[in-house]
Amino acid sequence: MVSYTDPGAQELSREPEEDRANPTNHMDSAIAQMDLQREECLRKSRDLIKMCARTIHAIHQGRAHQEMIDDCTRQRDALSATFGNLPPENAPQGAYLQSMQEYCEALIVWRFSLGEDVPDISLLGTGPIAYLYGLSDAIGELRRMAVQALLDGDLKSARETLNTMDSMFNMLMEVGEYGIAKSLKNKRDQARNTLERTRADVMRAAVQGTPIRGDRVES
């Protein structure tokens, strides 16, 4: 009697093991892609932080220009797009938040340097936590401007800067404390200290009626 073997069965037996459906291979490939996206997000976050730091430094030196702000905004948009494609468990939340915080700080300081109002969160395209953190840190940058105005003998500008710092701090105080924004309390405390130091410097200059020298002002 002649035995019969199904040709399909023979083909199946010759099929390489790695060519068969393997969920592990699929997961490994997916994780590798996620890792590349995460690294890209981290790189873009670091780049945005550096760009914002350079912009703030240029503002204090009086050499900032709109193109620097536009570059920061384009980098923010690119970072947001990359971050939005990452699954929550793989997204570098800390780096992303810090970069958006720095962006808010740079834009707030820039707008103030132009004599404009503090920009609303809707104009910055970030989340509320990044905005509040950036707003808090911007108070420290405005102190630098107030101190410089006092050193230049410009009491009027120092007072105007102090008033803006007051308004910014009041915005911070209107927000409650939540676990998701665990650093807000510390940042508010730091901002309060910065504000009161600046207020004391401005009051001292007003009473004396003369420019405050560098050794009389703590920056």
Protein backbone atom coordinates (compact mmCIF):
# COMPACT_ATOMS: atom_id res chain seq x y z
CA MET A 1 0.00 0.00 0.00
CA VAL A 2 1.37 3.42 -0.99
CA SER A 3 1.21 6.06 1.73
CA TYR A 4 0.13 9.59 0.87
CA THR A 5 1.50 12.74 2.43
CA ASP A 6 -0.27 16.08 2.14
CA PRO A 7 2.04 18.49 0.24
CA GLY A 8 0.73 21.37 2.34
CA ALA A 9 1.83 19.63 5.49
CA GLN A 10 5.30 19.18 4.02
CA GLU A 11 5.53 22.88 3.21
CA LEU A 12 4.39 23.77 6.73
CA SER A 13 7.01 21.53 8.26
CA ARG A 14 9.71 23.30 6.23
CA GLU A 15 8.55 26.82 7.26
CA PRO A 16 11.27 28.52 9.34
CA GLU A 17 10.32 29.01 12.97
CA GLU A 18 11.09 32.74 12.89
CA ASP A 19 8.69 33.25 9.99
CA ARG A 20 5.70 32.06 11.94
CA ALA A 21 3.53 34.54 13.82
CA ASN A 22 5.54 35.53 16.90
CA PRO A 23 4.02 38.08 19.28
CA THR A 24 7.36 38.53 21.03
CA ASN A 25 9.03 39.72 17.83
CA HIS A 26 6.20 42.17 17.31
CA MET A 27 6.52 43.54 20.85
CA ASP A 28 10.28 43.86 20.56
CA SER A 29 9.91 45.87 17.36
CA ALA A 30 7.24 48.08 18.90
CA ILE A 31 9.33 48.78 22.01
CA ALA A 32 12.39 49.58 19.90
CA GLN A 33 10.35 52.14 17.96
CA MET A 34 8.99 53.62 21.18
CA ASP A 35 12.52 53.93 22.53
CA LEU A 36 13.63 55.83 19.44
CA GLN A 37 10.67 58.20 19.80
CA ARG A 38 11.43 58.71 23.47
CA GLU A 39 15.06 59.58 22.73
CA GLU A 40 13.90 62.01 20.06
CA CYS A 41 11.55 63.63 22.57
CA LEU A 42 14.36 63.97 25.12
CA ARG A 43 16.67 65.49 22.52
CA LYS A 44 14.06 68.02 21.42
CA SER A 45 13.30 68.87 25.06
CA ARG A 46 16.97 69.59 25.77
CA ASP A 47 17.23 71.67 22.61
CA LEU A 48 14.21 73.78 23.58
CA ILE A 49 15.56 74.33 27.09
CA LYS A 50 18.88 75.56 25.67
CA MET A 51 17.16 77.82 23.13
CA CYS A 52 14.98 79.41 25.81
CA ALA A 53 17.95 79.93 28.14
CA ARG A 54 19.89 81.66 25.36
CA THR A 55 16.86 83.81 24.56
CA ILE A 56 16.43 84.95 28.17
CA HIS A 57 20.14 85.75 28.38
CA ALA A 58 19.87 87.78 25.17
CA ILE A 59 16.85 89.67 26.55
CA HIS A 60 18.85 90.80 29.58
CA GLN A 61 21.66 91.90 27.29
CA GLY A 62 19.27 93.83 25.06
CA ARG A 63 20.07 91.84 21.94
CA ALA A 64 17.05 89.51 21.68
CA HIS A 65 14.89 89.65 18.58
CA GLN A 66 11.64 88.17 17.33
CA GLU A 67 13.35 85.49 15.27
CA MET A 68 14.76 83.95 18.44
CA ILE A 69 11.25 83.71 19.84
CA ASP A 70 9.95 82.25 16.59
CA ASP A 71 12.68 79.60 16.68
CA CYS A 72 11.64 78.65 20.21
CA THR A 73 8.02 78.39 19.11
CA ARG A 74 8.88 76.16 16.15
CA GLN A 75 10.89 73.91 18.43
CA ARG A 76 7.99 73.78 20.89
CA ASP A 77 5.64 72.72 18.09
CA ALA A 78 8.02 69.98 16.92
CA LEU A 79 8.44 68.72 20.47
CA SER A 80 4.69 68.71 21.12
CA ALA A 81 4.11 66.64 17.98
CA THR A 82 6.72 64.07 19.01
CA PHE A 83 5.48 63.90 22.59
CA GLY A 84 1.88 63.49 21.49
CA ASN A 85 2.76 60.33 19.55
CA LEU A 86 4.24 58.60 22.58
CA PRO A 87 2.17 56.31 24.80
CA PRO A 88 1.78 57.76 28.32
CA GLU A 89 3.90 55.07 29.96
CA ASN A 90 6.85 55.85 27.69
CA ALA A 91 6.65 59.64 27.56
CA PRO A 92 9.44 61.52 29.38
CA GLN A 93 7.05 63.65 31.39
CA GLY A 94 9.72 65.45 33.43
CA ALA A 95 11.84 66.60 30.51
CA TYR A 96 8.80 67.64 28.51
CA LEU A 97 7.34 69.65 31.38
CA GLN A 98 10.64 71.39 32.06
CA SER A 99 11.07 72.39 28.42
CA MET A 100 7.54 73.79 28.22
CA GLN A 101 8.10 75.61 31.51
CA GLU A 102 11.24 77.23 30.08
CA TYR A 103 9.34 78.20 26.95
CA CYS A 104 6.66 79.95 29.01
CA GLU A 105 9.29 81.75 31.05
CA ALA A 106 11.09 82.99 27.94
CA LEU A 107 7.89 84.23 26.30
CA ILE A 108 6.71 86.00 29.47
CA VAL A 109 10.05 87.78 29.93
CA TRP A 110 10.16 88.67 26.23
CA ARG A 111 6.70 90.19 26.23
CA PHE A 112 7.51 92.19 29.36
CA SER A 113 10.71 93.50 27.78
CA LEU A 114 8.54 94.86 24.96
CA GLY A 115 6.29 96.66 27.43
CA GLU A 116 3.40 94.25 26.82
CA ASP A 117 1.16 92.44 29.27
CA VAL A 118 1.94 88.99 30.62
CA PRO A 119 0.71 86.60 27.90
CA ASP A 120 -2.28 84.45 28.67
CA ILE A 121 -1.83 80.68 28.68
CA SER A 122 -3.97 80.42 25.54
CA LEU A 123 -1.28 82.33 23.63
CA LEU A 124 1.56 80.03 24.67
CA GLY A 125 0.14 76.66 23.71
CA THR A 126 1.25 74.80 26.83
CA GLY A 127 -0.46 73.10 29.74
CA PRO A 128 -1.42 74.96 32.94
CA ILE A 129 1.31 73.42 35.10
CA ALA A 130 4.09 74.42 32.70
CA TYR A 131 2.59 77.91 32.49
CA LEU A 132 2.47 78.36 36.27
CA TYR A 133 6.00 77.05 36.75
CA GLY A 134 7.25 79.35 33.99
CA LEU A 135 5.35 82.30 35.43
CA SER A 136 6.93 81.68 38.82
CA ASP A 137 10.46 81.50 37.42
CA ALA A 138 9.87 84.61 35.30
CA ILE A 139 9.45 86.60 38.52
CA GLY A 140 13.11 85.95 39.23
CA GLU A 141 14.07 87.22 35.78
CA LEU A 142 12.05 90.38 36.32
CA ARG A 143 13.90 90.94 39.57
CA ARG A 144 17.12 91.07 37.56
CA MET A 145 15.55 93.79 35.44
CA ALA A 146 14.37 95.71 38.49
CA VAL A 147 17.83 95.53 40.07
CA GLN A 148 19.44 96.75 36.87
CA ALA A 149 16.99 99.65 36.71
CA LEU A 150 17.91 100.61 40.28
CA LEU A 151 21.61 100.44 39.48
CA ASP A 152 20.94 102.72 36.51
CA GLY A 153 19.04 105.15 38.75
CA ASP A 154 15.74 104.45 36.98
CA LEU A 155 13.37 104.19 39.92
CA LYS A 156 10.30 104.53 37.72
CA SER A 157 11.17 101.43 35.68
CA ALA A 158 12.01 99.52 38.84
CA ARG A 159 8.59 100.36 40.28
CA GLU A 160 6.82 99.30 37.10
CA THR A 161 8.70 96.03 37.11
CA LEU A 162 7.80 95.46 40.74
CA ASN A 163 4.13 96.07 39.96
CA THR A 164 4.24 93.45 37.22
CA MET A 165 5.94 91.02 39.59
CA ASP A 166 3.13 91.65 42.07
CA SER A 167 0.50 90.88 39.44
CA MET A 168 2.27 87.70 38.41
CA PHE A 169 2.53 86.53 42.00
CA ASN A 170 -1.17 87.19 42.54
CA MET A 171 -1.91 84.93 39.59
CA LEU A 172 0.11 82.17 41.24
CA MET A 173 -1.78 82.59 44.51
CA GLU A 174 -5.15 82.19 42.82
CA VAL A 175 -4.41 78.54 42.02
CA GLY A 176 -4.97 75.83 44.62
CA GLU A 177 -2.48 73.17 45.65
CA TYR A 178 -2.74 69.83 43.89
CA GLY A 179 -0.64 66.70 43.97
CA ILE A 180 -0.17 66.82 40.21
CA ALA A 181 1.63 70.18 40.58
CA LYS A 182 3.75 69.19 43.56
CA SER A 183 6.46 71.81 42.92
CA LEU A 184 4.07 74.76 42.82
CA LYS A 185 4.19 75.44 46.57
CA ASN A 186 7.99 75.64 46.59
CA LYS A 187 8.00 77.83 43.52
CA ARG A 188 5.45 80.16 45.09
CA ASP A 189 7.56 80.42 48.24
CA GLN A 190 10.62 81.28 46.16
CA ALA A 191 8.64 83.82 44.15
CA ARG A 192 7.33 85.42 47.34
CA ASN A 193 10.86 85.77 48.69
CA THR A 194 12.07 87.26 45.41
CA LEU A 195 9.16 89.70 45.34
CA GLU A 196 9.69 90.92 48.90
CA ARG A 197 13.42 91.38 48.39
CA THR A 198 12.71 93.46 45.31
CA ARG A 199 10.06 95.47 47.14
CA ALA A 200 12.55 96.26 49.91
CA ASP A 201 15.15 97.40 47.37
CA VAL A 202 12.70 99.66 45.56
CA MET A 203 11.41 101.16 48.82
CA ARG A 204 14.94 101.81 49.98
CA ALA A 205 15.77 103.57 46.74
CA ALA A 206 12.58 105.64 46.98
CA VAL A 207 13.37 106.75 50.53
CA GLN A 208 16.98 107.56 49.78
CA GLY A 209 16.10 109.32 46.57
CA THR A 210 19.40 108.26 45.00
CA PRO A 211 20.46 105.31 42.86
CA ILE A 212 21.27 102.18 44.84
CA ARG A 213 24.78 100.94 44.35
CA GLY A 214 25.58 97.39 43.43
CA ASP A 215 26.78 96.47 46.92
CA ARG A 216 23.42 97.53 48.37
CA VAL A 217 21.29 95.29 46.17
CA GLU A 218 21.15 91.51 46.26
CA SER A 219 20.48 90.12 42.80
